[in-house]
Amino acid sequence: MLNTKVAHNVFARFLLSGGFNTALTYVLYLVLLNSLSYQISYTISYLSGVVLAYFLNRSLVFKAHQGLRSILLFPIVYILQYVFTCLILKLLVDVFSVDQRIALLFAIILFVPVNFILSKKIFAHKNFG
């Protein structure tokens, strides 16, 4: 069974690394909005964030690597997140007229708990919660 203090530390590292990753990719998104649609801007910034997230989760958050398993499964989590976030982004921008510069932040926040649970399952050792 996973120690509660360890679980909180892992989640705190997940939030910090995710916050760092989100900040970088959000800045990229805003820059790209100057010349591209919000959908294309999000796609490019998102793909950049997936690569960064993989290395942050592997080396800083979970401090584990499950070999080929994590390499193959990690993109699946982010494909799910991408589809979910695109749908929420479209809904917020096109239906609810939320400013496209802030709509992405709402969409990202909604997926944080799911992302953590799935990422933990991919990177963590079998005895990890």
N, C-alpha and C. Protein backbone atom coordinates (compact mmCIF):
# COMPACT_ATOMS: atom_id res chain seq x y z
N MET A 1 0.84 -1.19 0.00
CA MET A 1 0.00 0.00 0.00
C MET A 1 0.88 1.24 0.00
N LEU A 2 0.47 2.24 -0.73
CA LEU A 2 1.24 3.47 -0.89
C LEU A 2 1.06 4.38 0.32
N ASN A 3 2.16 4.85 0.85
CA ASN A 3 2.17 5.79 1.94
C ASN A 3 1.49 7.09 1.48
N THR A 4 0.62 7.66 2.32
CA THR A 4 -0.13 8.87 1.97
C THR A 4 0.81 10.04 1.71
N LYS A 5 1.87 10.16 2.51
CA LYS A 5 2.83 11.26 2.31
C LYS A 5 3.51 11.13 0.95
N VAL A 6 3.88 9.92 0.58
CA VAL A 6 4.50 9.69 -0.73
C VAL A 6 3.52 10.04 -1.84
N ALA A 7 2.27 9.64 -1.67
CA ALA A 7 1.25 9.94 -2.68
C ALA A 7 1.08 11.44 -2.86
N HIS A 8 1.08 12.17 -1.77
CA HIS A 8 0.96 13.63 -1.87
C HIS A 8 2.18 14.23 -2.55
N ASN A 9 3.37 13.72 -2.26
CA ASN A 9 4.58 14.22 -2.90
C ASN A 9 4.55 13.97 -4.40
N VAL A 10 4.10 12.80 -4.80
CA VAL A 10 4.01 12.47 -6.22
C VAL A 10 3.00 13.39 -6.90
N PHE A 11 1.85 13.57 -6.27
CA PHE A 11 0.83 14.44 -6.85
C PHE A 11 1.33 15.89 -6.92
N ALA A 12 2.04 16.33 -5.89
CA ALA A 12 2.60 17.69 -5.89
C ALA A 12 3.60 17.84 -7.04
N ARG A 13 4.47 16.84 -7.23
CA ARG A 13 5.42 16.90 -8.36
C ARG A 13 4.68 16.88 -9.69
N PHE A 14 3.59 16.10 -9.76
CA PHE A 14 2.78 16.05 -10.97
C PHE A 14 2.19 17.43 -11.27
N LEU A 15 1.65 18.08 -10.25
CA LEU A 15 1.06 19.41 -10.43
C LEU A 15 2.12 20.44 -10.83
N LEU A 16 3.28 20.38 -10.18
CA LEU A 16 4.34 21.33 -10.51
C LEU A 16 4.88 21.13 -11.92
N SER A 17 5.16 19.90 -12.27
CA SER A 17 5.69 19.66 -13.62
C SER A 17 4.61 19.95 -14.67
N GLY A 18 3.36 19.60 -14.35
CA GLY A 18 2.26 19.90 -15.25
C GLY A 18 2.04 21.40 -15.40
N GLY A 19 2.19 22.12 -14.30
CA GLY A 19 2.07 23.58 -14.35
C GLY A 19 3.16 24.20 -15.21
N PHE A 20 4.38 23.72 -15.04
CA PHE A 20 5.50 24.20 -15.84
C PHE A 20 5.26 23.90 -17.32
N ASN A 21 4.87 22.67 -17.61
CA ASN A 21 4.59 22.25 -18.98
C ASN A 21 3.44 23.07 -19.57
N THR A 22 2.39 23.23 -18.80
CA THR A 22 1.24 23.99 -19.26
C THR A 22 1.61 25.45 -19.54
N ALA A 23 2.40 26.03 -18.67
CA ALA A 23 2.81 27.43 -18.88
C ALA A 23 3.59 27.57 -20.19
N LEU A 24 4.53 26.67 -20.42
CA LEU A 24 5.31 26.75 -21.66
C LEU A 24 4.45 26.53 -22.90
N THR A 25 3.60 25.52 -22.85
CA THR A 25 2.78 25.24 -24.03
C THR A 25 1.69 26.29 -24.21
N TYR A 26 1.23 26.90 -23.12
CA TYR A 26 0.24 27.95 -23.23
C TYR A 26 0.84 29.19 -23.89
N VAL A 27 2.05 29.53 -23.52
CA VAL A 27 2.73 30.66 -24.16
C VAL A 27 2.90 30.38 -25.66
N LEU A 28 3.29 29.17 -25.99
CA LEU A 28 3.41 28.79 -27.40
C LEU A 28 2.06 28.92 -28.10
N TYR A 29 0.99 28.46 -27.46
CA TYR A 29 -0.37 28.57 -28.00
C TYR A 29 -0.72 30.04 -28.29
N LEU A 30 -0.44 30.92 -27.32
CA LEU A 30 -0.76 32.34 -27.51
C LEU A 30 0.04 32.95 -28.65
N VAL A 31 1.29 32.58 -28.76
CA VAL A 31 2.13 33.09 -29.86
C VAL A 31 1.58 32.62 -31.20
N LEU A 32 1.24 31.35 -31.26
CA LEU A 32 0.73 30.79 -32.52
C LEU A 32 -0.63 31.37 -32.92
N LEU A 33 -1.41 31.79 -31.92
CA LEU A 33 -2.71 32.40 -32.22
C LEU A 33 -2.60 33.67 -33.07
N ASN A 34 -1.44 34.28 -33.05
CA ASN A 34 -1.23 35.49 -33.85
C ASN A 34 -1.30 35.21 -35.35
N SER A 35 -1.05 33.97 -35.73
CA SER A 35 -1.04 33.68 -37.17
C SER A 35 -1.82 32.43 -37.57
N LEU A 36 -2.29 31.66 -36.59
CA LEU A 36 -3.00 30.41 -36.90
C LEU A 36 -4.33 30.36 -36.15
N SER A 37 -5.22 29.47 -36.58
CA SER A 37 -6.49 29.29 -35.87
C SER A 37 -6.23 28.68 -34.49
N TYR A 38 -7.24 28.77 -33.63
CA TYR A 38 -7.05 28.21 -32.29
C TYR A 38 -6.87 26.70 -32.33
N GLN A 39 -7.51 26.01 -33.27
CA GLN A 39 -7.38 24.56 -33.35
C GLN A 39 -5.94 24.16 -33.74
N ILE A 40 -5.40 24.81 -34.75
CA ILE A 40 -4.03 24.49 -35.20
C ILE A 40 -3.03 24.92 -34.13
N SER A 41 -3.24 26.08 -33.54
CA SER A 41 -2.35 26.55 -32.47
C SER A 41 -2.32 25.56 -31.31
N TYR A 42 -3.50 25.07 -30.94
CA TYR A 42 -3.57 24.11 -29.86
C TYR A 42 -2.88 22.80 -30.23
N THR A 43 -3.08 22.33 -31.43
CA THR A 43 -2.47 21.07 -31.86
C THR A 43 -0.95 21.14 -31.80
N ILE A 44 -0.38 22.19 -32.32
CA ILE A 44 1.09 22.33 -32.32
C ILE A 44 1.62 22.45 -30.90
N SER A 45 0.99 23.30 -30.10
CA SER A 45 1.48 23.47 -28.73
C SER A 45 1.28 22.20 -27.91
N TYR A 46 0.20 21.49 -28.19
CA TYR A 46 -0.08 20.25 -27.47
C TYR A 46 0.95 19.18 -27.76
N LEU A 47 1.30 19.00 -29.02
CA LEU A 47 2.31 18.00 -29.38
C LEU A 47 3.65 18.31 -28.73
N SER A 48 4.00 19.58 -28.65
CA SER A 48 5.23 19.97 -27.96
C SER A 48 5.14 19.62 -26.48
N GLY A 49 3.98 19.84 -25.90
CA GLY A 49 3.77 19.53 -24.49
C GLY A 49 3.81 18.05 -24.17
N VAL A 50 3.37 17.22 -25.09
CA VAL A 50 3.39 15.76 -24.87
C VAL A 50 4.82 15.28 -24.71
N VAL A 51 5.70 15.75 -25.57
CA VAL A 51 7.10 15.34 -25.50
C VAL A 51 7.70 15.78 -24.17
N LEU A 52 7.47 17.03 -23.80
CA LEU A 52 8.00 17.53 -22.53
C LEU A 52 7.39 16.77 -21.35
N ALA A 53 6.09 16.51 -21.39
CA ALA A 53 5.41 15.80 -20.30
C ALA A 53 5.98 14.40 -20.10
N TYR A 54 6.28 13.72 -21.19
CA TYR A 54 6.84 12.37 -21.07
C TYR A 54 8.13 12.41 -20.25
N PHE A 55 9.03 13.31 -20.59
CA PHE A 55 10.30 13.37 -19.88
C PHE A 55 10.15 13.86 -18.45
N LEU A 56 9.25 14.80 -18.22
CA LEU A 56 9.01 15.27 -16.85
C LEU A 56 8.40 14.17 -15.99
N ASN A 57 7.40 13.47 -16.51
CA ASN A 57 6.77 12.39 -15.75
C ASN A 57 7.75 11.26 -15.47
N ARG A 58 8.52 10.92 -16.47
CA ARG A 58 9.46 9.81 -16.32
C ARG A 58 10.57 10.12 -15.33
N SER A 59 11.14 11.31 -15.42
CA SER A 59 12.33 11.59 -14.61
C SER A 59 12.07 12.36 -13.32
N LEU A 60 11.04 13.17 -13.28
CA LEU A 60 10.82 14.00 -12.09
C LEU A 60 9.60 13.60 -11.26
N VAL A 61 8.52 13.23 -11.90
CA VAL A 61 7.29 12.97 -11.16
C VAL A 61 7.28 11.57 -10.58
N PHE A 62 7.30 10.57 -11.42
CA PHE A 62 7.19 9.19 -10.96
C PHE A 62 8.54 8.53 -10.77
N LYS A 63 9.57 9.15 -11.31
CA LYS A 63 10.95 8.66 -11.19
C LYS A 63 11.02 7.17 -11.50
N ALA A 64 10.34 6.81 -12.56
CA ALA A 64 10.28 5.40 -12.97
C ALA A 64 10.08 5.34 -14.47
N HIS A 65 10.46 4.22 -15.00
CA HIS A 65 10.29 3.98 -16.43
C HIS A 65 9.98 2.50 -16.59
N GLN A 66 8.90 2.22 -17.26
CA GLN A 66 8.49 0.83 -17.44
C GLN A 66 8.85 0.32 -18.83
N GLY A 67 9.94 0.83 -19.35
CA GLY A 67 10.42 0.37 -20.65
C GLY A 67 9.46 0.69 -21.78
N LEU A 68 9.33 -0.25 -22.66
CA LEU A 68 8.49 -0.10 -23.84
C LEU A 68 7.03 0.16 -23.45
N ARG A 69 6.61 -0.40 -22.34
CA ARG A 69 5.23 -0.21 -21.86
C ARG A 69 4.90 1.27 -21.71
N SER A 70 5.75 2.03 -21.02
CA SER A 70 5.45 3.45 -20.82
C SER A 70 5.59 4.25 -22.11
N ILE A 71 6.52 3.86 -22.96
CA ILE A 71 6.70 4.56 -24.24
C ILE A 71 5.47 4.38 -25.12
N LEU A 72 4.88 3.20 -25.11
CA LEU A 72 3.73 2.92 -25.95
C LEU A 72 2.42 3.43 -25.36
N LEU A 73 2.26 3.34 -24.04
CA LEU A 73 1.00 3.73 -23.41
C LEU A 73 0.88 5.24 -23.17
N PHE A 74 1.98 5.91 -22.96
CA PHE A 74 1.94 7.34 -22.65
C PHE A 74 1.20 8.15 -23.72
N PRO A 75 1.49 7.94 -24.99
CA PRO A 75 0.76 8.72 -26.01
C PRO A 75 -0.75 8.48 -26.00
N ILE A 76 -1.18 7.31 -25.57
CA ILE A 76 -2.62 7.03 -25.51
C ILE A 76 -3.31 7.96 -24.53
N VAL A 77 -2.68 8.19 -23.37
CA VAL A 77 -3.24 9.11 -22.38
C VAL A 77 -3.39 10.49 -23.02
N TYR A 78 -2.39 10.90 -23.74
CA TYR A 78 -2.42 12.24 -24.31
C TYR A 78 -3.30 12.34 -25.55
N ILE A 79 -3.54 11.25 -26.23
CA ILE A 79 -4.53 11.26 -27.32
C ILE A 79 -5.92 11.45 -26.71
N LEU A 80 -6.19 10.72 -25.63
CA LEU A 80 -7.47 10.90 -24.93
C LEU A 80 -7.63 12.33 -24.44
N GLN A 81 -6.59 12.85 -23.84
CA GLN A 81 -6.64 14.22 -23.34
C GLN A 81 -6.84 15.20 -24.49
N TYR A 82 -6.15 14.99 -25.58
CA TYR A 82 -6.27 15.87 -26.73
C TYR A 82 -7.71 15.90 -27.26
N VAL A 83 -8.30 14.74 -27.44
CA VAL A 83 -9.67 14.65 -27.96
C VAL A 83 -10.63 15.33 -26.99
N PHE A 84 -10.51 15.00 -25.71
CA PHE A 84 -11.36 15.58 -24.69
C PHE A 84 -11.21 17.10 -24.67
N THR A 85 -9.98 17.58 -24.67
CA THR A 85 -9.73 19.02 -24.59
C THR A 85 -10.20 19.73 -25.85
N CYS A 86 -10.02 19.13 -27.01
CA CYS A 86 -10.53 19.73 -28.26
C CYS A 86 -12.05 19.89 -28.21
N LEU A 87 -12.73 18.87 -27.71
CA LEU A 87 -14.18 18.95 -27.62
C LEU A 87 -14.62 20.04 -26.65
N ILE A 88 -13.99 20.08 -25.50
CA ILE A 88 -14.32 21.11 -24.51
C ILE A 88 -13.97 22.49 -25.04
N LEU A 89 -12.82 22.61 -25.69
CA LEU A 89 -12.39 23.89 -26.26
C LEU A 89 -13.39 24.38 -27.30
N LYS A 90 -13.81 23.49 -28.19
CA LYS A 90 -14.80 23.85 -29.21
C LYS A 90 -16.11 24.28 -28.57
N LEU A 91 -16.55 23.54 -27.58
CA LEU A 91 -17.78 23.87 -26.87
C LEU A 91 -17.67 25.24 -26.20
N LEU A 92 -16.58 25.48 -25.50
CA LEU A 92 -16.41 26.75 -24.80
C LEU A 92 -16.33 27.93 -25.77
N VAL A 93 -15.56 27.78 -26.85
CA VAL A 93 -15.35 28.89 -27.79
C VAL A 93 -16.57 29.09 -28.69
N ASP A 94 -17.04 28.02 -29.32
CA ASP A 94 -18.08 28.16 -30.34
C ASP A 94 -19.50 28.21 -29.78
N VAL A 95 -19.74 27.55 -28.66
CA VAL A 95 -21.10 27.52 -28.11
C VAL A 95 -21.29 28.56 -27.02
N PHE A 96 -20.31 28.63 -26.09
CA PHE A 96 -20.45 29.54 -24.95
C PHE A 96 -19.71 30.86 -25.13
N SER A 97 -19.06 31.06 -26.27
CA SER A 97 -18.36 32.30 -26.61
C SER A 97 -17.31 32.71 -25.57
N VAL A 98 -16.65 31.72 -24.99
CA VAL A 98 -15.55 32.00 -24.07
C VAL A 98 -14.35 32.42 -24.92
N ASP A 99 -13.63 33.42 -24.46
CA ASP A 99 -12.45 33.90 -25.18
C ASP A 99 -11.49 32.73 -25.42
N GLN A 100 -11.06 32.56 -26.66
CA GLN A 100 -10.21 31.42 -27.02
C GLN A 100 -8.87 31.43 -26.29
N ARG A 101 -8.46 32.59 -25.77
CA ARG A 101 -7.19 32.65 -25.03
C ARG A 101 -7.31 32.05 -23.63
N ILE A 102 -8.52 32.04 -23.07
CA ILE A 102 -8.67 31.45 -21.73
C ILE A 102 -9.45 30.14 -21.72
N ALA A 103 -10.16 29.85 -22.79
CA ALA A 103 -10.95 28.61 -22.84
C ALA A 103 -10.07 27.38 -22.66
N LEU A 104 -8.87 27.43 -23.22
CA LEU A 104 -7.96 26.29 -23.10
C LEU A 104 -7.62 25.99 -21.65
N LEU A 105 -7.45 27.02 -20.84
CA LEU A 105 -7.12 26.79 -19.43
C LEU A 105 -8.23 26.02 -18.71
N PHE A 106 -9.47 26.36 -18.97
CA PHE A 106 -10.59 25.64 -18.37
C PHE A 106 -10.59 24.17 -18.80
N ALA A 107 -10.37 23.95 -20.08
CA ALA A 107 -10.39 22.58 -20.61
C ALA A 107 -9.27 21.74 -20.00
N ILE A 108 -8.10 22.32 -19.84
CA ILE A 108 -6.95 21.60 -19.27
C ILE A 108 -7.23 21.21 -17.82
N ILE A 109 -7.75 22.14 -17.05
CA ILE A 109 -8.01 21.90 -15.63
C ILE A 109 -8.98 20.73 -15.43
N LEU A 110 -9.95 20.61 -16.31
CA LEU A 110 -10.93 19.54 -16.18
C LEU A 110 -10.31 18.15 -16.32
N PHE A 111 -9.21 18.04 -17.03
CA PHE A 111 -8.62 16.73 -17.29
C PHE A 111 -7.48 16.36 -16.33
N VAL A 112 -7.05 17.26 -15.46
CA VAL A 112 -5.91 17.00 -14.57
C VAL A 112 -6.05 15.72 -13.75
N PRO A 113 -7.16 15.49 -13.05
CA PRO A 113 -7.24 14.26 -12.23
C PRO A 113 -7.16 12.98 -13.07
N VAL A 114 -7.80 12.96 -14.21
CA VAL A 114 -7.76 11.78 -15.08
C VAL A 114 -6.35 11.56 -15.60
N ASN A 115 -5.69 12.62 -15.99
CA ASN A 115 -4.33 12.53 -16.49
C ASN A 115 -3.39 11.96 -15.43
N PHE A 116 -3.53 12.42 -14.19
CA PHE A 116 -2.68 11.92 -13.11
C PHE A 116 -2.87 10.43 -12.90
N ILE A 117 -4.10 10.00 -12.81
CA ILE A 117 -4.40 8.58 -12.55
C ILE A 117 -3.84 7.70 -13.67
N LEU A 118 -4.07 8.10 -14.91
CA LEU A 118 -3.59 7.30 -16.04
C LEU A 118 -2.06 7.31 -16.13
N SER A 119 -1.45 8.47 -15.91
CA SER A 119 0.01 8.56 -15.96
C SER A 119 0.66 7.74 -14.85
N LYS A 120 0.06 7.76 -13.67
CA LYS A 120 0.59 6.98 -12.55
C LYS A 120 0.58 5.50 -12.89
N LYS A 121 -0.48 5.05 -13.52
CA LYS A 121 -0.57 3.64 -13.90
C LYS A 121 0.48 3.27 -14.95
N ILE A 122 0.84 4.18 -15.79
CA ILE A 122 1.81 3.91 -16.85
C ILE A 122 3.24 3.87 -16.30
N PHE A 123 3.60 4.83 -15.46
CA PHE A 123 4.98 4.96 -15.02
C PHE A 123 5.30 4.23 -13.73
N ALA A 124 4.33 4.10 -12.86
CA ALA A 124 4.60 3.59 -11.53
C ALA A 124 4.94 2.09 -11.54
N HIS A 125 5.75 1.75 -10.56
CA HIS A 125 6.04 0.33 -10.35
C HIS A 125 4.76 -0.37 -9.92
N LYS A 126 4.68 -1.65 -10.08
CA LYS A 126 3.46 -2.38 -9.77
C LYS A 126 3.02 -2.23 -8.33
N ASN A 127 3.95 -1.99 -7.41
CA ASN A 127 3.57 -1.85 -6.01
C ASN A 127 3.24 -0.40 -5.67
N PHE A 128 3.18 0.46 -6.65
CA PHE A 128 2.88 1.89 -6.47
C PHE A 128 1.38 2.07 -6.54
N GLY A 129 0.74 2.29 -5.39
CA GLY A 129 -0.68 2.56 -5.25
C GLY A 129 -1.50 2.05 -6.33
